[in-house]
Amino acid sequence: MKVLSFTIRKRSIEIVWLADGQKHVTMLYRHSDYSWHPDADSAKLLPKTREELQGAVIALLSRTVSRAEKPRKRRNVWRFEDASPIS
């Protein structure tokens, strides 16, 4: 199982994933009590498939967070070059 894309919106999360050569889309919707619920097709997934999807999403998010937290090397962008000739 591989997560192809993960899109977070204000009231929904879209997960596009690949399993057994087939592309699937899972949607999670936010209710007024701030709980997240899957769409009807995703709710019918087998428990094992849901656990694998959850693990793949967690792995994707952890890789994204670890990349974002690494300090980046700052390049010296500010350079002063005097275009006037020295007399």
C-alpha atoms as a PDB file:
ATOM      1  CA  MET A   1       0.000   0.000   0.000  1.00  0.00           C
ATOM      2  CA  LYS A   2       1.290   3.427  -0.954  1.00  0.00           C
ATOM      3  CA  VAL A   3      -0.220   6.864  -0.326  1.00  0.00           C
ATOM      4  CA  LEU A   4      -0.051   8.874  -3.553  1.00  0.00           C
ATOM      5  CA  SER A   5      -1.448  12.160  -2.250  1.00  0.00           C
ATOM      6  CA  PHE A   6      -2.782  13.611   0.965  1.00  0.00           C
ATOM      7  CA  THR A   7      -4.816  16.832   0.762  1.00  0.00           C
ATOM      8  CA  ILE A   8      -6.032  18.644   3.860  1.00  0.00           C
ATOM      9  CA  ARG A   9      -8.854  21.139   3.508  1.00  0.00           C
ATOM     10  CA  LYS A  10     -10.852  23.018   6.100  1.00  0.00           C
ATOM     11  CA  ARG A  11     -13.658  20.459   6.288  1.00  0.00           C
ATOM     12  CA  SER A  12     -12.280  17.411   4.521  1.00  0.00           C
ATOM     13  CA  ILE A  13      -9.199  15.286   3.992  1.00  0.00           C
ATOM     14  CA  GLU A  14      -8.635  13.468   0.715  1.00  0.00           C
ATOM     15  CA  ILE A  15      -6.285  10.479   0.626  1.00  0.00           C
ATOM     16  CA  VAL A  16      -5.407   8.915  -2.726  1.00  0.00           C
ATOM     17  CA  TRP A  17      -3.712   5.556  -2.301  1.00  0.00           C
ATOM     18  CA  LEU A  18      -2.576   2.600  -4.350  1.00  0.00           C
ATOM     19  CA  ALA A  19      -3.134  -1.029  -3.357  1.00  0.00           C
ATOM     20  CA  ASP A  20      -2.862  -4.159  -5.501  1.00  0.00           C
ATOM     21  CA  GLY A  21      -2.403  -2.020  -8.628  1.00  0.00           C
ATOM     22  CA  GLN A  22      -5.670  -0.139  -8.107  1.00  0.00           C
ATOM     23  CA  LYS A  23      -6.033   3.531  -7.233  1.00  0.00           C
ATOM     24  CA  HIS A  24      -8.441   4.341  -4.382  1.00  0.00           C
ATOM     25  CA  VAL A  25      -9.721   7.605  -2.922  1.00  0.00           C
ATOM     26  CA  THR A  26     -10.710   7.953   0.719  1.00  0.00           C
ATOM     27  CA  MET A  27     -12.458  11.056   1.989  1.00  0.00           C
ATOM     28  CA  LEU A  28     -12.760  12.069   5.630  1.00  0.00           C
ATOM     29  CA  TYR A  29     -15.290  14.748   6.525  1.00  0.00           C
ATOM     30  CA  ARG A  30     -15.299  16.969   9.622  1.00  0.00           C
ATOM     31  CA  HIS A  31     -18.560  17.209  11.530  1.00  0.00           C
ATOM     32  CA  SER A  32     -19.679  20.125  13.683  1.00  0.00           C
ATOM     33  CA  ASP A  33     -18.291  18.444  16.819  1.00  0.00           C
ATOM     34  CA  TYR A  34     -14.809  18.380  15.144  1.00  0.00           C
ATOM     35  CA  SER A  35     -14.827  14.603  14.727  1.00  0.00           C
ATOM     36  CA  TRP A  36     -13.709  13.076  11.426  1.00  0.00           C
ATOM     37  CA  HIS A  37     -15.810  10.462   9.618  1.00  0.00           C
ATOM     38  CA  PRO A  38     -15.041   8.509   6.437  1.00  0.00           C
ATOM     39  CA  ASP A  39     -17.254   8.512   3.369  1.00  0.00           C
ATOM     40  CA  ALA A  40     -19.607   5.559   2.814  1.00  0.00           C
ATOM     41  CA  ASP A  41     -17.239   3.582   0.578  1.00  0.00           C
ATOM     42  CA  SER A  42     -14.288   4.016   2.931  1.00  0.00           C
ATOM     43  CA  ALA A  43     -16.380   2.962   5.917  1.00  0.00           C
ATOM     44  CA  LYS A  44     -16.906  -0.405   4.207  1.00  0.00           C
ATOM     45  CA  LEU A  45     -13.175  -1.186   4.028  1.00  0.00           C
ATOM     46  CA  LEU A  46     -11.930  -4.226   5.888  1.00  0.00           C
ATOM     47  CA  PRO A  47     -10.387  -3.481   9.296  1.00  0.00           C
ATOM     48  CA  LYS A  48      -6.998  -4.783   8.117  1.00  0.00           C
ATOM     49  CA  THR A  49      -7.057  -2.424   5.109  1.00  0.00           C
ATOM     50  CA  ARG A  50      -8.017   0.519   7.322  1.00  0.00           C
ATOM     51  CA  GLU A  51      -5.117  -0.238   9.677  1.00  0.00           C
ATOM     52  CA  GLU A  52      -2.669  -0.435   6.762  1.00  0.00           C
ATOM     53  CA  LEU A  53      -3.983   2.851   5.357  1.00  0.00           C
ATOM     54  CA  GLN A  54      -3.699   4.486   8.764  1.00  0.00           C
ATOM     55  CA  GLY A  55      -0.100   3.283   9.099  1.00  0.00           C
ATOM     56  CA  ALA A  56       0.773   4.555   5.610  1.00  0.00           C
ATOM     57  CA  VAL A  57      -0.713   7.993   6.362  1.00  0.00           C
ATOM     58  CA  ILE A  58       1.123   8.203   9.703  1.00  0.00           C
ATOM     59  CA  ALA A  59       4.389   7.220   7.994  1.00  0.00           C
ATOM     60  CA  LEU A  60       3.830   9.883   5.318  1.00  0.00           C
ATOM     61  CA  LEU A  61       3.096  12.562   7.900  1.00  0.00           C
ATOM     62  CA  SER A  62       6.083  11.640  10.041  1.00  0.00           C
ATOM     63  CA  ARG A  63       8.420  11.873   7.037  1.00  0.00           C
ATOM     64  CA  THR A  64       6.932  15.257   6.128  1.00  0.00           C
ATOM     65  CA  VAL A  65       7.317  16.607   9.661  1.00  0.00           C
ATOM     66  CA  SER A  66      10.885  15.362  10.034  1.00  0.00           C
ATOM     67  CA  ARG A  67      11.869  17.052   6.755  1.00  0.00           C
ATOM     68  CA  ALA A  68      10.223  20.312   7.778  1.00  0.00           C
ATOM     69  CA  GLU A  69      11.980  20.440  11.153  1.00  0.00           C
ATOM     70  CA  LYS A  70      15.511  20.040   9.790  1.00  0.00           C
ATOM     71  CA  PRO A  71      17.413  23.309   9.836  1.00  0.00           C
ATOM     72  CA  ARG A  72      18.311  24.469   6.382  1.00  0.00           C
ATOM     73  CA  LYS A  73      21.657  25.842   5.478  1.00  0.00           C
ATOM     74  CA  ARG A  74      21.291  29.553   4.862  1.00  0.00           C
ATOM     75  CA  ARG A  75      22.969  30.907   1.814  1.00  0.00           C
ATOM     76  CA  ASN A  76      24.435  34.364   1.848  1.00  0.00           C
ATOM     77  CA  VAL A  77      21.891  36.083  -0.341  1.00  0.00           C
ATOM     78  CA  TRP A  78      22.730  39.616   0.679  1.00  0.00           C
ATOM     79  CA  ARG A  79      25.850  40.730  -1.140  1.00  0.00           C
ATOM     80  CA  PHE A  80      27.063  44.246  -1.563  1.00  0.00           C
ATOM     81  CA  GLU A  81      28.815  44.967  -4.808  1.00  0.00           C
ATOM     82  CA  ASP A  82      29.932  48.487  -5.491  1.00  0.00           C
ATOM     83  CA  ALA A  83      29.530  49.202  -9.188  1.00  0.00           C
ATOM     84  CA  SER A  84      31.445  52.493  -9.043  1.00  0.00           C
ATOM     85  CA  PRO A  85      35.175  52.314  -9.777  1.00  0.00           C
ATOM     86  CA  ILE A  86      37.589  53.187  -7.024  1.00  0.00           C
ATOM     87  CA  SER A  87      39.497  56.418  -7.698  1.00  0.00           C
END
